[in-house]
Amino acid sequence: MANSAQARKRVRQAEKARQRNASQRSMLRTKVKAVFSTIEAGDKSAAEAAYKEAIPVLDHMARKGLIHKNKAARYKSRFNAQVRAL
């Protein structure tokens, strides 16, 4: 257990960050799954709409360091190619 006031504060801050990151990661996964499912369904207009919603979320998560920037770029590139192929 944390013994100093500083260590106790760091524990509180780490827990807040963990909860915030978990929430953000969940939202990201939801957006990615929405794009994936609309592509699988073959609905081009819905896939484009879901893709446009997912792009800013991916960029934001990469900028904040929640995911690597190359992972965001990879998702965007692959989804764009799949949407265009519909």
N, C-alpha and C. Protein backbone atom coordinates (compact mmCIF):
# COMPACT_ATOMS: atom_id res chain seq x y z
N MET A 1 0.85 -1.19 0.00
CA MET A 1 0.00 0.00 0.00
C MET A 1 0.88 1.24 0.00
N ALA A 2 0.37 2.30 -0.61
CA ALA A 2 1.11 3.56 -0.70
C ALA A 2 1.24 4.18 0.69
N ASN A 3 2.46 4.60 1.01
CA ASN A 3 2.71 5.12 2.35
C ASN A 3 2.78 6.64 2.40
N SER A 4 3.20 7.28 1.33
CA SER A 4 3.32 8.73 1.38
C SER A 4 2.10 9.37 0.72
N ALA A 5 1.90 10.63 1.01
CA ALA A 5 0.79 11.37 0.40
C ALA A 5 0.96 11.42 -1.11
N GLN A 6 2.18 11.58 -1.55
CA GLN A 6 2.46 11.63 -2.98
C GLN A 6 2.09 10.30 -3.65
N ALA A 7 2.45 9.20 -3.02
CA ALA A 7 2.14 7.88 -3.58
C ALA A 7 0.64 7.63 -3.60
N ARG A 8 -0.06 8.06 -2.55
CA ARG A 8 -1.52 7.89 -2.53
C ARG A 8 -2.16 8.69 -3.66
N LYS A 9 -1.66 9.90 -3.90
CA LYS A 9 -2.20 10.72 -4.98
C LYS A 9 -1.94 10.07 -6.34
N ARG A 10 -0.76 9.50 -6.51
CA ARG A 10 -0.44 8.83 -7.77
C ARG A 10 -1.37 7.63 -8.00
N VAL A 11 -1.72 6.93 -6.93
CA VAL A 11 -2.65 5.81 -7.05
C VAL A 11 -4.01 6.31 -7.52
N ARG A 12 -4.47 7.42 -6.95
CA ARG A 12 -5.75 8.00 -7.37
C ARG A 12 -5.70 8.43 -8.83
N GLN A 13 -4.62 9.08 -9.21
CA GLN A 13 -4.50 9.56 -10.60
C GLN A 13 -4.44 8.39 -11.58
N ALA A 14 -3.70 7.35 -11.20
CA ALA A 14 -3.57 6.19 -12.09
C ALA A 14 -4.92 5.51 -12.29
N GLU A 15 -5.72 5.44 -11.25
CA GLU A 15 -7.03 4.81 -11.36
C GLU A 15 -7.95 5.63 -12.27
N LYS A 16 -7.92 6.95 -12.13
CA LYS A 16 -8.72 7.80 -13.01
C LYS A 16 -8.31 7.61 -14.47
N ALA A 17 -7.01 7.59 -14.71
CA ALA A 17 -6.50 7.41 -16.06
C ALA A 17 -6.89 6.04 -16.61
N ARG A 18 -6.83 5.01 -15.78
CA ARG A 18 -7.18 3.67 -16.22
C ARG A 18 -8.64 3.60 -16.65
N GLN A 19 -9.51 4.21 -15.85
CA GLN A 19 -10.94 4.21 -16.19
C GLN A 19 -11.21 5.01 -17.47
N ARG A 20 -10.56 6.14 -17.59
CA ARG A 20 -10.74 6.97 -18.79
C ARG A 20 -10.25 6.22 -20.04
N ASN A 21 -9.08 5.59 -19.92
CA ASN A 21 -8.54 4.84 -21.05
C ASN A 21 -9.43 3.66 -21.42
N ALA A 22 -9.98 2.98 -20.44
CA ALA A 22 -10.86 1.84 -20.71
C ALA A 22 -12.10 2.29 -21.45
N SER A 23 -12.65 3.42 -21.04
CA SER A 23 -13.84 3.96 -21.70
C SER A 23 -13.53 4.35 -23.14
N GLN A 24 -12.42 5.03 -23.34
CA GLN A 24 -12.03 5.46 -24.68
C GLN A 24 -11.75 4.26 -25.58
N ARG A 25 -11.07 3.25 -25.04
CA ARG A 25 -10.75 2.05 -25.81
C ARG A 25 -12.03 1.32 -26.21
N SER A 26 -13.00 1.29 -25.31
CA SER A 26 -14.28 0.65 -25.60
C SER A 26 -15.00 1.38 -26.73
N MET A 27 -15.00 2.71 -26.68
CA MET A 27 -15.64 3.50 -27.73
C MET A 27 -14.96 3.24 -29.08
N LEU A 28 -13.63 3.18 -29.07
CA LEU A 28 -12.87 2.92 -30.29
C LEU A 28 -13.26 1.57 -30.88
N ARG A 29 -13.31 0.55 -30.03
CA ARG A 29 -13.66 -0.79 -30.51
C ARG A 29 -15.07 -0.82 -31.08
N THR A 30 -15.98 -0.08 -30.46
CA THR A 30 -17.36 -0.03 -30.94
C THR A 30 -17.41 0.58 -32.34
N LYS A 31 -16.67 1.67 -32.55
CA LYS A 31 -16.65 2.33 -33.86
C LYS A 31 -16.04 1.41 -34.92
N VAL A 32 -14.96 0.73 -34.56
CA VAL A 32 -14.29 -0.17 -35.51
C VAL A 32 -15.21 -1.33 -35.87
N LYS A 33 -15.89 -1.88 -34.87
CA LYS A 33 -16.82 -2.98 -35.14
C LYS A 33 -17.98 -2.53 -36.01
N ALA A 34 -18.43 -1.29 -35.83
CA ALA A 34 -19.52 -0.77 -36.65
C ALA A 34 -19.10 -0.71 -38.11
N VAL A 35 -17.89 -0.24 -38.36
CA VAL A 35 -17.39 -0.17 -39.75
C VAL A 35 -17.28 -1.58 -40.31
N PHE A 36 -16.69 -2.48 -39.54
CA PHE A 36 -16.48 -3.84 -40.00
C PHE A 36 -17.81 -4.53 -40.33
N SER A 37 -18.79 -4.37 -39.46
CA SER A 37 -20.07 -5.05 -39.67
C SER A 37 -20.82 -4.49 -40.87
N THR A 38 -20.75 -3.18 -41.10
CA THR A 38 -21.43 -2.61 -42.27
C THR A 38 -20.74 -3.02 -43.56
N ILE A 39 -19.42 -3.19 -43.52
CA ILE A 39 -18.70 -3.67 -44.71
C ILE A 39 -19.10 -5.11 -45.00
N GLU A 40 -19.16 -5.93 -43.95
CA GLU A 40 -19.57 -7.33 -44.13
C GLU A 40 -20.99 -7.45 -44.66
N ALA A 41 -21.86 -6.52 -44.23
CA ALA A 41 -23.24 -6.54 -44.68
C ALA A 41 -23.36 -6.12 -46.14
N GLY A 42 -22.36 -5.39 -46.64
CA GLY A 42 -22.36 -4.97 -48.04
C GLY A 42 -23.11 -3.68 -48.29
N ASP A 43 -23.45 -2.95 -47.25
CA ASP A 43 -24.17 -1.69 -47.39
C ASP A 43 -23.16 -0.54 -47.53
N LYS A 44 -22.96 -0.09 -48.77
CA LYS A 44 -21.90 0.89 -49.02
C LYS A 44 -22.17 2.23 -48.34
N SER A 45 -23.40 2.73 -48.40
CA SER A 45 -23.68 4.05 -47.81
C SER A 45 -23.52 4.00 -46.29
N ALA A 46 -23.97 2.93 -45.66
CA ALA A 46 -23.81 2.79 -44.20
C ALA A 46 -22.34 2.60 -43.84
N ALA A 47 -21.62 1.87 -44.68
CA ALA A 47 -20.20 1.66 -44.43
C ALA A 47 -19.43 2.98 -44.53
N GLU A 48 -19.77 3.79 -45.51
CA GLU A 48 -19.11 5.10 -45.65
C GLU A 48 -19.41 5.98 -44.45
N ALA A 49 -20.65 5.96 -43.98
CA ALA A 49 -21.03 6.78 -42.83
C ALA A 49 -20.29 6.31 -41.57
N ALA A 50 -20.23 5.00 -41.36
CA ALA A 50 -19.53 4.46 -40.20
C ALA A 50 -18.04 4.75 -40.28
N TYR A 51 -17.49 4.68 -41.49
CA TYR A 51 -16.07 4.96 -41.71
C TYR A 51 -15.76 6.42 -41.37
N LYS A 52 -16.64 7.32 -41.80
CA LYS A 52 -16.43 8.74 -41.52
C LYS A 52 -16.53 9.05 -40.03
N GLU A 53 -17.33 8.29 -39.30
CA GLU A 53 -17.42 8.46 -37.84
C GLU A 53 -16.19 7.90 -37.14
N ALA A 54 -15.62 6.84 -37.69
CA ALA A 54 -14.50 6.17 -37.04
C ALA A 54 -13.18 6.91 -37.22
N ILE A 55 -13.01 7.63 -38.33
CA ILE A 55 -11.73 8.28 -38.63
C ILE A 55 -11.30 9.25 -37.53
N PRO A 56 -12.14 10.21 -37.11
CA PRO A 56 -11.69 11.13 -36.07
C PRO A 56 -11.39 10.44 -34.75
N VAL A 57 -12.13 9.38 -34.45
CA VAL A 57 -11.89 8.64 -33.20
C VAL A 57 -10.52 7.96 -33.26
N LEU A 58 -10.22 7.33 -34.39
CA LEU A 58 -8.91 6.69 -34.55
C LEU A 58 -7.78 7.71 -34.44
N ASP A 59 -7.95 8.85 -35.11
CA ASP A 59 -6.91 9.89 -35.06
C ASP A 59 -6.72 10.41 -33.64
N HIS A 60 -7.81 10.61 -32.94
CA HIS A 60 -7.73 11.14 -31.57
C HIS A 60 -7.03 10.15 -30.65
N MET A 61 -7.38 8.88 -30.77
CA MET A 61 -6.75 7.86 -29.92
C MET A 61 -5.27 7.73 -30.20
N ALA A 62 -4.89 7.86 -31.47
CA ALA A 62 -3.47 7.79 -31.82
C ALA A 62 -2.73 9.02 -31.28
N ARG A 63 -3.36 10.17 -31.37
CA ARG A 63 -2.74 11.41 -30.89
C ARG A 63 -2.56 11.37 -29.37
N LYS A 64 -3.51 10.76 -28.67
CA LYS A 64 -3.43 10.68 -27.21
C LYS A 64 -2.54 9.54 -26.73
N GLY A 65 -2.13 8.67 -27.66
CA GLY A 65 -1.24 7.58 -27.28
C GLY A 65 -1.95 6.33 -26.80
N LEU A 66 -3.26 6.26 -26.99
CA LEU A 66 -4.00 5.08 -26.57
C LEU A 66 -3.73 3.90 -27.51
N ILE A 67 -3.56 4.22 -28.79
CA ILE A 67 -3.12 3.23 -29.76
C ILE A 67 -1.95 3.84 -30.53
N HIS A 68 -1.16 3.00 -31.17
CA HIS A 68 -0.02 3.49 -31.94
C HIS A 68 -0.52 4.16 -33.21
N LYS A 69 0.21 5.17 -33.68
CA LYS A 69 -0.23 5.91 -34.87
C LYS A 69 -0.27 5.02 -36.10
N ASN A 70 0.63 4.04 -36.17
CA ASN A 70 0.62 3.14 -37.32
C ASN A 70 -0.59 2.21 -37.30
N LYS A 71 -1.06 1.87 -36.11
CA LYS A 71 -2.26 1.04 -36.01
C LYS A 71 -3.47 1.81 -36.52
N ALA A 72 -3.56 3.08 -36.15
CA ALA A 72 -4.66 3.91 -36.64
C ALA A 72 -4.59 4.04 -38.16
N ALA A 73 -3.39 4.26 -38.68
CA ALA A 73 -3.21 4.39 -40.12
C ALA A 73 -3.58 3.09 -40.84
N ARG A 74 -3.22 1.96 -40.24
CA ARG A 74 -3.53 0.66 -40.83
C ARG A 74 -5.04 0.43 -40.88
N TYR A 75 -5.73 0.73 -39.78
CA TYR A 75 -7.20 0.60 -39.77
C TYR A 75 -7.82 1.48 -40.85
N LYS A 76 -7.39 2.73 -40.91
CA LYS A 76 -7.98 3.67 -41.87
C LYS A 76 -7.74 3.20 -43.30
N SER A 77 -6.53 2.76 -43.59
CA SER A 77 -6.19 2.32 -44.93
C SER A 77 -6.99 1.10 -45.34
N ARG A 78 -7.06 0.12 -44.47
CA ARG A 78 -7.77 -1.11 -44.80
C ARG A 78 -9.27 -0.88 -44.94
N PHE A 79 -9.83 -0.09 -44.02
CA PHE A 79 -11.26 0.19 -44.13
C PHE A 79 -11.58 0.98 -45.38
N ASN A 80 -10.74 1.94 -45.72
CA ASN A 80 -10.97 2.73 -46.92
C ASN A 80 -10.96 1.84 -48.16
N ALA A 81 -10.00 0.95 -48.24
CA ALA A 81 -9.92 0.03 -49.39
C ALA A 81 -11.16 -0.86 -49.45
N GLN A 82 -11.60 -1.33 -48.30
CA GLN A 82 -12.77 -2.23 -48.28
C GLN A 82 -14.06 -1.49 -48.64
N VAL A 83 -14.19 -0.26 -48.18
CA VAL A 83 -15.38 0.54 -48.50
C VAL A 83 -15.40 0.84 -50.01
N ARG A 84 -14.24 1.19 -50.56
CA ARG A 84 -14.18 1.49 -52.00
C ARG A 84 -14.51 0.26 -52.84
N ALA A 85 -14.16 -0.92 -52.33
CA ALA A 85 -14.38 -2.15 -53.08
C ALA A 85 -15.85 -2.58 -53.09
N LEU A 86 -16.67 -2.00 -52.22
CA LEU A 86 -18.09 -2.39 -52.17
C LEU A 86 -18.82 -1.99 -53.44
